[in-house]
């Protein structure tokens, strides 16, 4: 199982980023995928999840209405479109295979390298 996160960067408050999670080594279309965030000095937290089909989806209250999760099963990729970013949205973002019924509980296990999001003016 391998997941590679990308798309992070530096953005001003109010800006947008689209993160990607490219998966390999398992039957991608059969699994939900969750996005998780870890800010400096804080616990990792659930941000969003998408089920094994094109939906349904789950969001943390702090990102509802601003973030959109989607997936392209043909490309084995899940995306997280982040709009109207706030400084508290900064951190390292990780993706993982996940049962969305458990959202927002953070799963145990191995993690990828994540992708850094910095929100700063």
N, C-alpha and C. Protein backbone atom coordinates (compact mmCIF):
# COMPACT_ATOMS: atom_id res chain seq x y z
N UNK A 1 0.85 -1.18 0.00
CA UNK A 1 0.00 0.00 0.00
C UNK A 1 0.89 1.24 0.00
N UNK A 2 0.64 2.12 -0.95
CA UNK A 2 1.45 3.34 -1.02
C UNK A 2 0.54 4.49 -1.40
N UNK A 3 0.64 5.58 -0.63
CA UNK A 3 -0.08 6.80 -0.95
C UNK A 3 0.91 7.96 -0.94
N UNK A 4 0.84 8.79 -1.95
CA UNK A 4 1.74 9.92 -2.08
C UNK A 4 0.92 11.20 -2.17
N UNK A 5 1.15 12.07 -1.19
CA UNK A 5 0.44 13.34 -1.15
C UNK A 5 1.25 14.42 -1.87
N UNK A 6 0.56 15.33 -2.52
CA UNK A 6 1.23 16.44 -3.19
C UNK A 6 0.27 17.61 -3.29
N UNK A 7 0.81 18.76 -3.71
CA UNK A 7 -0.03 19.93 -3.95
C UNK A 7 0.04 20.99 -2.88
N UNK A 8 0.75 20.71 -1.80
CA UNK A 8 0.87 21.72 -0.75
C UNK A 8 1.71 22.90 -1.21
N UNK A 9 1.75 23.93 -0.38
CA UNK A 9 2.52 25.11 -0.70
C UNK A 9 2.22 26.23 0.27
N UNK A 10 2.65 27.41 -0.13
CA UNK A 10 2.43 28.61 0.67
C UNK A 10 1.33 29.44 0.02
N UNK A 11 0.35 29.81 0.81
CA UNK A 11 -0.77 30.58 0.28
C UNK A 11 -1.17 31.63 1.30
N UNK A 12 -1.68 32.74 0.82
CA UNK A 12 -2.17 33.78 1.71
C UNK A 12 -3.54 33.40 2.26
N UNK A 13 -3.89 33.94 3.42
CA UNK A 13 -5.25 33.71 3.93
C UNK A 13 -6.29 34.09 2.87
N UNK A 14 -7.27 33.23 2.71
CA UNK A 14 -8.28 33.43 1.68
C UNK A 14 -7.94 32.76 0.37
N UNK A 15 -6.73 32.24 0.25
CA UNK A 15 -6.31 31.59 -0.98
C UNK A 15 -6.78 30.15 -1.08
N UNK A 16 -6.38 29.49 -2.17
CA UNK A 16 -6.82 28.13 -2.45
C UNK A 16 -5.63 27.24 -2.80
N UNK A 17 -5.79 25.97 -2.52
CA UNK A 17 -4.86 24.94 -2.93
C UNK A 17 -5.66 23.69 -3.24
N UNK A 18 -5.11 22.85 -4.15
CA UNK A 18 -5.70 21.54 -4.38
C UNK A 18 -4.66 20.48 -4.08
N UNK A 19 -4.95 19.66 -3.11
CA UNK A 19 -4.07 18.55 -2.75
C UNK A 19 -4.46 17.30 -3.52
N UNK A 20 -3.47 16.47 -3.80
CA UNK A 20 -3.70 15.20 -4.47
C UNK A 20 -3.15 14.07 -3.63
N UNK A 21 -3.81 12.94 -3.70
CA UNK A 21 -3.37 11.72 -3.01
C UNK A 21 -3.38 10.61 -4.05
N UNK A 22 -2.20 10.21 -4.48
CA UNK A 22 -2.06 9.16 -5.49
C UNK A 22 -1.80 7.83 -4.80
N UNK A 23 -2.63 6.84 -5.10
CA UNK A 23 -2.58 5.57 -4.41
C UNK A 23 -2.13 4.45 -5.33
N UNK A 24 -1.48 3.44 -4.73
CA UNK A 24 -1.09 2.25 -5.47
C UNK A 24 -0.93 1.10 -4.49
N UNK A 25 -0.95 -0.11 -5.03
CA UNK A 25 -0.71 -1.28 -4.20
C UNK A 25 -1.93 -1.88 -3.55
N UNK A 26 -3.12 -1.36 -3.87
CA UNK A 26 -4.34 -1.97 -3.36
C UNK A 26 -5.47 -1.62 -4.33
N UNK A 27 -6.60 -2.26 -4.14
CA UNK A 27 -7.75 -2.03 -5.04
C UNK A 27 -8.41 -0.73 -4.62
N UNK A 28 -7.97 0.33 -5.23
CA UNK A 28 -8.32 1.68 -4.81
C UNK A 28 -9.83 1.90 -4.73
N UNK A 29 -10.56 1.45 -5.72
CA UNK A 29 -11.98 1.74 -5.79
C UNK A 29 -12.81 1.10 -4.69
N UNK A 30 -12.23 0.18 -3.94
CA UNK A 30 -12.95 -0.51 -2.88
C UNK A 30 -12.81 0.16 -1.53
N UNK A 31 -11.98 1.21 -1.45
CA UNK A 31 -11.68 1.81 -0.15
C UNK A 31 -12.06 3.28 -0.10
N UNK A 32 -12.54 3.68 1.07
CA UNK A 32 -12.64 5.10 1.33
C UNK A 32 -11.24 5.66 1.56
N UNK A 33 -11.11 6.95 1.35
CA UNK A 33 -9.84 7.65 1.59
C UNK A 33 -10.11 8.85 2.48
N UNK A 34 -9.31 8.99 3.51
CA UNK A 34 -9.43 10.13 4.42
C UNK A 34 -8.26 11.07 4.29
N UNK A 35 -8.52 12.35 4.50
CA UNK A 35 -7.48 13.36 4.62
C UNK A 35 -7.37 13.77 6.09
N UNK A 36 -6.14 13.92 6.55
CA UNK A 36 -5.87 14.27 7.93
C UNK A 36 -4.83 15.38 7.95
N UNK A 37 -4.86 16.16 9.01
CA UNK A 37 -3.98 17.32 9.11
C UNK A 37 -3.31 17.33 10.47
N UNK A 38 -2.03 17.69 10.48
CA UNK A 38 -1.32 17.85 11.74
C UNK A 38 -0.63 19.20 11.74
N UNK A 39 -1.10 20.07 12.61
CA UNK A 39 -0.49 21.38 12.78
C UNK A 39 0.64 21.27 13.80
N UNK A 40 1.60 22.17 13.73
CA UNK A 40 2.73 22.13 14.68
C UNK A 40 2.24 22.12 16.13
N UNK A 41 2.73 21.17 16.91
CA UNK A 41 2.38 21.10 18.32
C UNK A 41 0.99 20.60 18.62
N UNK A 42 0.29 20.12 17.60
CA UNK A 42 -1.09 19.66 17.81
C UNK A 42 -1.25 18.21 17.37
N UNK A 43 -2.32 17.60 17.82
CA UNK A 43 -2.65 16.24 17.44
C UNK A 43 -3.10 16.22 15.97
N UNK A 44 -2.86 15.09 15.32
CA UNK A 44 -3.38 14.90 13.98
C UNK A 44 -4.91 14.84 14.05
N UNK A 45 -5.58 15.43 13.09
CA UNK A 45 -7.04 15.47 13.11
C UNK A 45 -7.62 15.14 11.75
N UNK A 46 -8.84 14.63 11.74
CA UNK A 46 -9.52 14.32 10.50
C UNK A 46 -10.04 15.57 9.85
N UNK A 47 -9.83 15.68 8.54
CA UNK A 47 -10.29 16.82 7.78
C UNK A 47 -11.47 16.45 6.88
N UNK A 48 -11.34 15.34 6.16
CA UNK A 48 -12.40 14.96 5.24
C UNK A 48 -12.23 13.49 4.86
N UNK A 49 -13.30 12.91 4.33
CA UNK A 49 -13.26 11.53 3.90
C UNK A 49 -14.23 11.35 2.74
N UNK A 50 -13.87 10.45 1.81
CA UNK A 50 -14.77 10.12 0.73
C UNK A 50 -14.89 8.61 0.66
N UNK A 51 -16.10 8.15 0.47
CA UNK A 51 -16.37 6.72 0.49
C UNK A 51 -15.79 6.05 -0.76
N UNK A 52 -16.00 4.74 -0.87
CA UNK A 52 -15.36 3.98 -1.93
C UNK A 52 -15.94 4.27 -3.31
N UNK A 53 -17.10 4.86 -3.38
CA UNK A 53 -17.67 5.22 -4.68
C UNK A 53 -17.47 6.74 -4.85
N UNK A 54 -18.28 7.38 -5.61
CA UNK A 54 -18.12 8.83 -5.81
C UNK A 54 -18.65 9.63 -4.62
N UNK A 55 -19.15 9.02 -3.62
CA UNK A 55 -19.64 9.66 -2.41
C UNK A 55 -20.28 8.61 -1.55
N UNK A 56 -20.75 8.87 -0.37
CA UNK A 56 -20.83 10.20 0.24
C UNK A 56 -19.51 10.70 0.79
N UNK A 57 -19.57 11.89 1.36
CA UNK A 57 -18.37 12.53 1.87
C UNK A 57 -18.61 13.03 3.30
N UNK A 58 -17.50 13.23 3.99
CA UNK A 58 -17.53 13.72 5.36
C UNK A 58 -16.55 14.89 5.48
N UNK A 59 -16.87 15.86 6.34
CA UNK A 59 -15.99 17.01 6.56
C UNK A 59 -15.97 17.38 8.04
N UNK A 60 -14.81 17.82 8.48
CA UNK A 60 -14.73 18.43 9.80
C UNK A 60 -15.52 19.74 9.78
N UNK A 61 -16.12 20.08 10.90
CA UNK A 61 -16.92 21.30 10.96
C UNK A 61 -16.10 22.52 10.57
N UNK A 62 -14.82 22.51 10.88
CA UNK A 62 -13.97 23.67 10.62
C UNK A 62 -13.72 23.93 9.14
N UNK A 63 -14.02 22.95 8.27
CA UNK A 63 -13.74 23.13 6.85
C UNK A 63 -15.00 23.03 5.98
N UNK A 64 -16.13 22.73 6.57
CA UNK A 64 -17.36 22.60 5.80
C UNK A 64 -17.66 23.89 5.03
N UNK A 65 -18.03 23.71 3.78
CA UNK A 65 -18.35 24.86 2.95
C UNK A 65 -17.16 25.47 2.26
N UNK A 66 -15.94 25.07 2.66
CA UNK A 66 -14.73 25.63 2.06
C UNK A 66 -13.89 24.57 1.37
N UNK A 67 -13.90 23.35 1.87
CA UNK A 67 -13.12 22.25 1.30
C UNK A 67 -14.05 21.30 0.57
N UNK A 68 -13.54 20.71 -0.52
CA UNK A 68 -14.29 19.71 -1.27
C UNK A 68 -13.39 18.54 -1.58
N UNK A 69 -13.84 17.34 -1.20
CA UNK A 69 -13.08 16.13 -1.48
C UNK A 69 -13.72 15.45 -2.69
N UNK A 70 -12.88 14.87 -3.54
CA UNK A 70 -13.38 14.15 -4.71
C UNK A 70 -12.39 13.05 -5.05
N UNK A 71 -12.80 12.15 -5.93
CA UNK A 71 -11.90 11.08 -6.32
C UNK A 71 -12.08 10.75 -7.79
N UNK A 72 -10.98 10.28 -8.38
CA UNK A 72 -10.98 9.79 -9.76
C UNK A 72 -10.46 8.36 -9.69
N UNK A 73 -11.37 7.41 -9.69
CA UNK A 73 -10.96 6.01 -9.54
C UNK A 73 -10.14 5.52 -10.73
N UNK A 74 -10.32 6.13 -11.90
CA UNK A 74 -9.52 5.74 -13.07
C UNK A 74 -8.06 6.13 -12.89
N UNK A 75 -7.82 7.16 -12.08
CA UNK A 75 -6.45 7.63 -11.84
C UNK A 75 -5.93 7.23 -10.46
N UNK A 76 -6.74 6.49 -9.71
CA UNK A 76 -6.35 6.10 -8.34
C UNK A 76 -5.93 7.32 -7.52
N UNK A 77 -6.70 8.36 -7.63
CA UNK A 77 -6.33 9.62 -6.98
C UNK A 77 -7.53 10.25 -6.28
N UNK A 78 -7.27 10.78 -5.11
CA UNK A 78 -8.25 11.56 -4.37
C UNK A 78 -7.73 12.99 -4.27
N UNK A 79 -8.63 13.94 -4.39
CA UNK A 79 -8.27 15.35 -4.34
C UNK A 79 -8.93 16.04 -3.14
N UNK A 80 -8.29 17.07 -2.66
CA UNK A 80 -8.89 17.92 -1.64
C UNK A 80 -8.73 19.36 -2.10
N UNK A 81 -9.83 19.94 -2.57
CA UNK A 81 -9.83 21.34 -2.97
C UNK A 81 -10.08 22.19 -1.73
N UNK A 82 -9.14 23.06 -1.44
CA UNK A 82 -9.22 23.88 -0.24
C UNK A 82 -9.35 25.35 -0.65
N UNK A 83 -10.48 25.93 -0.36
CA UNK A 83 -10.73 27.34 -0.66
C UNK A 83 -10.84 28.14 0.63
N UNK A 84 -10.69 29.44 0.49
CA UNK A 84 -10.82 30.36 1.64
C UNK A 84 -9.98 29.86 2.82
N UNK A 85 -8.74 29.54 2.54
CA UNK A 85 -7.87 28.99 3.59
C UNK A 85 -7.65 30.00 4.71
N UNK A 86 -7.61 29.47 5.91
CA UNK A 86 -7.37 30.26 7.10
C UNK A 86 -6.03 29.87 7.71
N UNK A 87 -5.42 30.73 8.50
CA UNK A 87 -4.13 30.38 9.12
C UNK A 87 -4.18 29.08 9.92
N UNK A 88 -5.32 28.81 10.54
CA UNK A 88 -5.43 27.56 11.32
C UNK A 88 -5.53 26.32 10.44
N UNK A 89 -5.62 26.51 9.14
CA UNK A 89 -5.62 25.39 8.21
C UNK A 89 -4.24 24.92 7.83
N UNK A 90 -3.22 25.58 8.34
CA UNK A 90 -1.84 25.20 8.04
C UNK A 90 -1.45 23.91 8.75
N UNK A 91 -0.53 23.19 8.14
CA UNK A 91 -0.05 21.96 8.73
C UNK A 91 0.38 20.99 7.64
N UNK A 92 0.72 19.79 8.05
CA UNK A 92 1.05 18.74 7.10
C UNK A 92 -0.21 17.90 6.88
N UNK A 93 -0.55 17.73 5.63
CA UNK A 93 -1.76 16.99 5.27
C UNK A 93 -1.36 15.59 4.79
N UNK A 94 -2.08 14.61 5.30
CA UNK A 94 -1.84 13.21 4.97
C UNK A 94 -3.13 12.57 4.47
N UNK A 95 -2.99 11.56 3.64
CA UNK A 95 -4.15 10.77 3.23
C UNK A 95 -3.91 9.31 3.63
N UNK A 96 -4.97 8.58 3.76
CA UNK A 96 -4.87 7.18 4.17
C UNK A 96 -6.13 6.44 3.77
N UNK A 97 -6.02 5.13 3.46
CA UNK A 97 -7.22 4.32 3.28
C UNK A 97 -7.99 4.33 4.59
N UNK A 98 -9.30 4.36 4.50
CA UNK A 98 -10.06 4.68 5.71
C UNK A 98 -11.51 4.24 5.56
N UNK A 99 -12.08 3.82 6.69
CA UNK A 99 -13.52 3.59 6.74
C UNK A 99 -14.17 4.89 7.19
N UNK A 100 -14.87 5.54 6.29
CA UNK A 100 -15.43 6.86 6.58
C UNK A 100 -16.43 6.83 7.74
N UNK A 101 -16.98 5.65 8.04
CA UNK A 101 -17.89 5.55 9.19
C UNK A 101 -17.17 5.88 10.50
N UNK A 102 -15.86 5.84 10.50
CA UNK A 102 -15.08 6.13 11.69
C UNK A 102 -14.66 7.59 11.78
N UNK A 103 -14.96 8.36 10.75
CA UNK A 103 -14.55 9.77 10.74
C UNK A 103 -15.13 10.51 11.92
N UNK A 104 -14.36 11.37 12.62
CA UNK A 104 -13.02 11.85 12.31
C UNK A 104 -11.90 11.17 13.09
N UNK A 105 -12.15 9.98 13.64
CA UNK A 105 -11.10 9.29 14.39
C UNK A 105 -9.88 9.07 13.51
N UNK A 106 -8.73 9.42 14.01
CA UNK A 106 -7.49 9.27 13.25
C UNK A 106 -7.02 7.82 13.34
N UNK A 107 -6.79 7.16 12.21
CA UNK A 107 -6.38 5.76 12.24
C UNK A 107 -4.92 5.62 12.66
N UNK A 108 -4.59 4.45 13.17
CA UNK A 108 -3.20 4.14 13.47
C UNK A 108 -2.57 3.53 12.23
N UNK A 109 -1.29 3.28 12.27
CA UNK A 109 -0.62 2.67 11.14
C UNK A 109 0.41 3.58 10.51
N UNK A 110 0.92 3.13 9.38
CA UNK A 110 1.96 3.89 8.71
C UNK A 110 1.37 5.06 7.91
N UNK A 111 2.15 6.12 7.83
CA UNK A 111 1.73 7.30 7.09
C UNK A 111 2.76 7.64 6.03
N UNK A 112 2.33 8.31 4.99
CA UNK A 112 3.25 8.80 3.99
C UNK A 112 3.98 10.05 4.48
N UNK A 113 4.62 10.73 3.57
CA UNK A 113 5.41 11.90 3.96
C UNK A 113 4.55 13.14 4.13
N UNK A 114 3.34 13.09 3.62
CA UNK A 114 2.45 14.24 3.73
C UNK A 114 2.86 15.38 2.82
N UNK A 115 2.04 16.41 2.80
CA UNK A 115 2.35 17.60 2.02
C UNK A 115 2.09 18.82 2.89
N UNK A 116 3.03 19.74 2.90
CA UNK A 116 2.99 20.88 3.81
C UNK A 116 2.13 22.00 3.23
N UNK A 117 1.23 22.51 4.05
CA UNK A 117 0.42 23.67 3.69
C UNK A 117 0.74 24.79 4.67
N UNK A 118 1.14 25.92 4.14
CA UNK A 118 1.43 27.09 4.95
C UNK A 118 0.49 28.21 4.54
N UNK A 119 -0.19 28.77 5.52
CA UNK A 119 -1.13 29.87 5.25
C UNK A 119 -0.60 31.10 6.00
N UNK A 120 -0.10 32.02 5.24
CA UNK A 120 0.55 33.16 5.88
C UNK A 120 0.51 34.37 4.95
N UNK A 121 0.34 35.53 5.56
CA UNK A 121 0.38 36.76 4.78
C UNK A 121 1.80 37.32 4.76
